[in-house]
Structure formats: C-alpha cells, structure tokens
Amino acid sequence: MAVSDKEQVMNLLKTSKGQIEGIIKMIDEDRYCVDVSKQILSVQALIKKANLKIIDQHIKSCVKQAFTEGHGDEKVDEVMELINKYAK
C-alpha cells in the first residue's frame, strides 16, 4: 500500500477509535439514545471508507500483480468473497 494511502487509512481508523471512545463515554453518561446511534453510524461510515480504500489498493496492487504472474483468478475469488461479506 502506498504511503499516502496507508496514512489515509490510519487516520480514518484513528478517528474511528476516538469516536468509539466518545460513544462509550456517552453511554456511561446515559446520553440520548438517538445521539449515541448517530455517532455509531458515523463510525461505521469511517470504517467502511477505510475498508474500501484497503480493498481498492489490494485490487490495484496484489490482484494486478497476480494477473501478470498467471494466477489472477485466485485473487478475484478473494475479492468476490469480500464483496459478498460486504453486501450482507
């Protein structure tokens, strides 16, 4: 993974971690359920974005390389498995 992509994913995950810590605090403080839920949705969106970036880089590097080496079908199967899990 390229350095800039790695930094972007790390920033998304670190932001998610901070938000999760905030959500835990909100629950401890008995904050309004809808507000807690909105924060959870926000974290889910960040994690989804990070995961898509990782999958994108996998396709652009590992899958591409596998095709040049003659075993791309294996990598396509891996990606399809991820997409199936993602869609659930």
C-alpha atoms as a PDB file:
ATOM      1  CA  MET A   1       0.000   0.000   0.000  1.00  0.00           C
ATOM      2  CA  ALA A   2       1.323   3.412  -0.909  1.00  0.00           C
ATOM      3  CA  VAL A   3       2.410   5.601   1.987  1.00  0.00           C
ATOM      4  CA  SER A   4      -0.268   8.242   1.373  1.00  0.00           C
ATOM      5  CA  ASP A   5      -2.987   5.567   1.190  1.00  0.00           C
ATOM      6  CA  LYS A   6      -1.693   3.938   4.363  1.00  0.00           C
ATOM      7  CA  GLU A   7      -1.713   7.302   6.149  1.00  0.00           C
ATOM      8  CA  GLN A   8      -5.255   7.958   4.972  1.00  0.00           C
ATOM      9  CA  VAL A   9      -6.471   4.559   6.233  1.00  0.00           C
ATOM     10  CA  MET A  10      -4.633   5.025   9.536  1.00  0.00           C
ATOM     11  CA  ASN A  11      -6.213   8.471  10.006  1.00  0.00           C
ATOM     12  CA  LEU A  12      -9.673   7.063   9.337  1.00  0.00           C
ATOM     13  CA  LEU A  13      -9.124   4.241  11.825  1.00  0.00           C
ATOM     14  CA  LYS A  14      -7.652   6.537  14.480  1.00  0.00           C
ATOM     15  CA  THR A  15     -10.598   8.890  14.075  1.00  0.00           C
ATOM     16  CA  SER A  16     -12.934   5.910  14.422  1.00  0.00           C
ATOM     17  CA  LYS A  17     -11.129   4.831  17.578  1.00  0.00           C
ATOM     18  CA  GLY A  18     -11.568   8.295  19.075  1.00  0.00           C
ATOM     19  CA  GLN A  19     -15.238   8.327  18.168  1.00  0.00           C
ATOM     20  CA  ILE A  20     -15.753   4.877  19.706  1.00  0.00           C
ATOM     21  CA  GLU A  21     -14.160   6.106  22.922  1.00  0.00           C
ATOM     22  CA  GLY A  22     -16.552   9.060  22.791  1.00  0.00           C
ATOM     23  CA  ILE A  23     -19.511   6.736  22.268  1.00  0.00           C
ATOM     24  CA  ILE A  24     -18.508   4.661  25.286  1.00  0.00           C
ATOM     25  CA  LYS A  25     -18.367   7.851  27.352  1.00  0.00           C
ATOM     26  CA  MET A  26     -21.779   8.894  26.007  1.00  0.00           C
ATOM     27  CA  ILE A  27     -23.270   5.573  27.089  1.00  0.00           C
ATOM     28  CA  ASP A  28     -21.631   5.847  30.525  1.00  0.00           C
ATOM     29  CA  GLU A  29     -23.202   9.309  30.840  1.00  0.00           C
ATOM     30  CA  ASP A  30     -26.637   7.989  29.789  1.00  0.00           C
ATOM     31  CA  ARG A  31     -26.759  10.350  26.822  1.00  0.00           C
ATOM     32  CA  TYR A  32     -29.749  10.450  24.499  1.00  0.00           C
ATOM     33  CA  CYS A  33     -30.008   7.186  22.538  1.00  0.00           C
ATOM     34  CA  VAL A  34     -30.522   8.853  19.165  1.00  0.00           C
ATOM     35  CA  ASP A  35     -27.343  10.898  19.641  1.00  0.00           C
ATOM     36  CA  VAL A  36     -25.416   7.723  20.507  1.00  0.00           C
ATOM     37  CA  SER A  37     -26.849   5.963  17.470  1.00  0.00           C
ATOM     38  CA  LYS A  38     -25.836   8.837  15.185  1.00  0.00           C
ATOM     39  CA  GLN A  39     -22.271   8.582  16.463  1.00  0.00           C
ATOM     40  CA  ILE A  40     -22.248   4.824  15.866  1.00  0.00           C
ATOM     41  CA  LEU A  41     -23.423   5.394  12.279  1.00  0.00           C
ATOM     42  CA  SER A  42     -20.631   7.922  11.837  1.00  0.00           C
ATOM     43  CA  VAL A  43     -18.022   5.398  12.996  1.00  0.00           C
ATOM     44  CA  GLN A  44     -19.462   2.753  10.691  1.00  0.00           C
ATOM     45  CA  ALA A  45     -19.103   5.131   7.751  1.00  0.00           C
ATOM     46  CA  LEU A  46     -15.457   5.844   8.597  1.00  0.00           C
ATOM     47  CA  ILE A  47     -14.625   2.152   8.936  1.00  0.00           C
ATOM     48  CA  LYS A  48     -16.434   1.393   5.683  1.00  0.00           C
ATOM     49  CA  LYS A  49     -14.418   4.101   3.931  1.00  0.00           C
ATOM     50  CA  ALA A  50     -11.152   2.691   5.342  1.00  0.00           C
ATOM     51  CA  ASN A  51     -12.087  -0.819   4.252  1.00  0.00           C
ATOM     52  CA  LEU A  52     -12.961   0.314   0.732  1.00  0.00           C
ATOM     53  CA  LYS A  53      -9.574   2.054   0.489  1.00  0.00           C
ATOM     54  CA  ILE A  54      -7.823  -1.149   1.533  1.00  0.00           C
ATOM     55  CA  ILE A  55      -9.800  -3.212  -0.985  1.00  0.00           C
ATOM     56  CA  ASP A  56      -9.081  -0.636  -3.690  1.00  0.00           C
ATOM     57  CA  GLN A  57      -5.351  -0.838  -3.039  1.00  0.00           C
ATOM     58  CA  HIS A  58      -5.482  -4.642  -2.960  1.00  0.00           C
ATOM     59  CA  ILE A  59      -7.085  -4.691  -6.391  1.00  0.00           C
ATOM     60  CA  LYS A  60      -4.625  -2.151  -7.798  1.00  0.00           C
ATOM     61  CA  SER A  61      -1.569  -3.964  -6.462  1.00  0.00           C
ATOM     62  CA  CYS A  62      -1.990  -7.595  -5.417  1.00  0.00           C
ATOM     63  CA  VAL A  63      -4.694  -8.541  -7.903  1.00  0.00           C
ATOM     64  CA  LYS A  64      -2.963  -6.745 -10.753  1.00  0.00           C
ATOM     65  CA  GLN A  65       0.329  -8.472  -9.924  1.00  0.00           C
ATOM     66  CA  ALA A  66      -1.371 -11.876  -9.666  1.00  0.00           C
ATOM     67  CA  PHE A  67      -2.722 -11.500 -13.196  1.00  0.00           C
ATOM     68  CA  THR A  68       0.743 -10.726 -14.548  1.00  0.00           C
ATOM     69  CA  GLU A  69       2.019 -13.847 -12.762  1.00  0.00           C
ATOM     70  CA  GLY A  70      -0.784 -16.015 -14.140  1.00  0.00           C
ATOM     71  CA  HIS A  71      -2.860 -16.662 -11.024  1.00  0.00           C
ATOM     72  CA  GLY A  72      -5.293 -13.783 -11.021  1.00  0.00           C
ATOM     73  CA  ASP A  73      -8.382 -15.952 -10.689  1.00  0.00           C
ATOM     74  CA  GLU A  74      -7.456 -16.752  -7.062  1.00  0.00           C
ATOM     75  CA  LYS A  75      -7.296 -13.066  -6.218  1.00  0.00           C
ATOM     76  CA  VAL A  76     -10.577 -12.371  -7.990  1.00  0.00           C
ATOM     77  CA  ASP A  77     -12.193 -15.099  -5.876  1.00  0.00           C
ATOM     78  CA  GLU A  78     -10.805 -13.438  -2.713  1.00  0.00           C
ATOM     79  CA  VAL A  79     -12.192 -10.075  -3.734  1.00  0.00           C
ATOM     80  CA  MET A  80     -15.570 -11.583  -4.594  1.00  0.00           C
ATOM     81  CA  GLU A  81     -15.682 -13.226  -1.168  1.00  0.00           C
ATOM     82  CA  LEU A  82     -15.009  -9.822   0.421  1.00  0.00           C
ATOM     83  CA  ILE A  83     -17.703  -8.186  -1.666  1.00  0.00           C
ATOM     84  CA  ASN A  84     -20.195 -10.875  -0.667  1.00  0.00           C
ATOM     85  CA  LYS A  85     -19.404 -10.288   3.026  1.00  0.00           C
ATOM     86  CA  TYR A  86     -19.576  -6.535   2.480  1.00  0.00           C
ATOM     87  CA  ALA A  87     -23.010  -6.787   0.900  1.00  0.00           C
ATOM     88  CA  LYS A  88     -24.527  -8.629   3.888  1.00  0.00           C
END
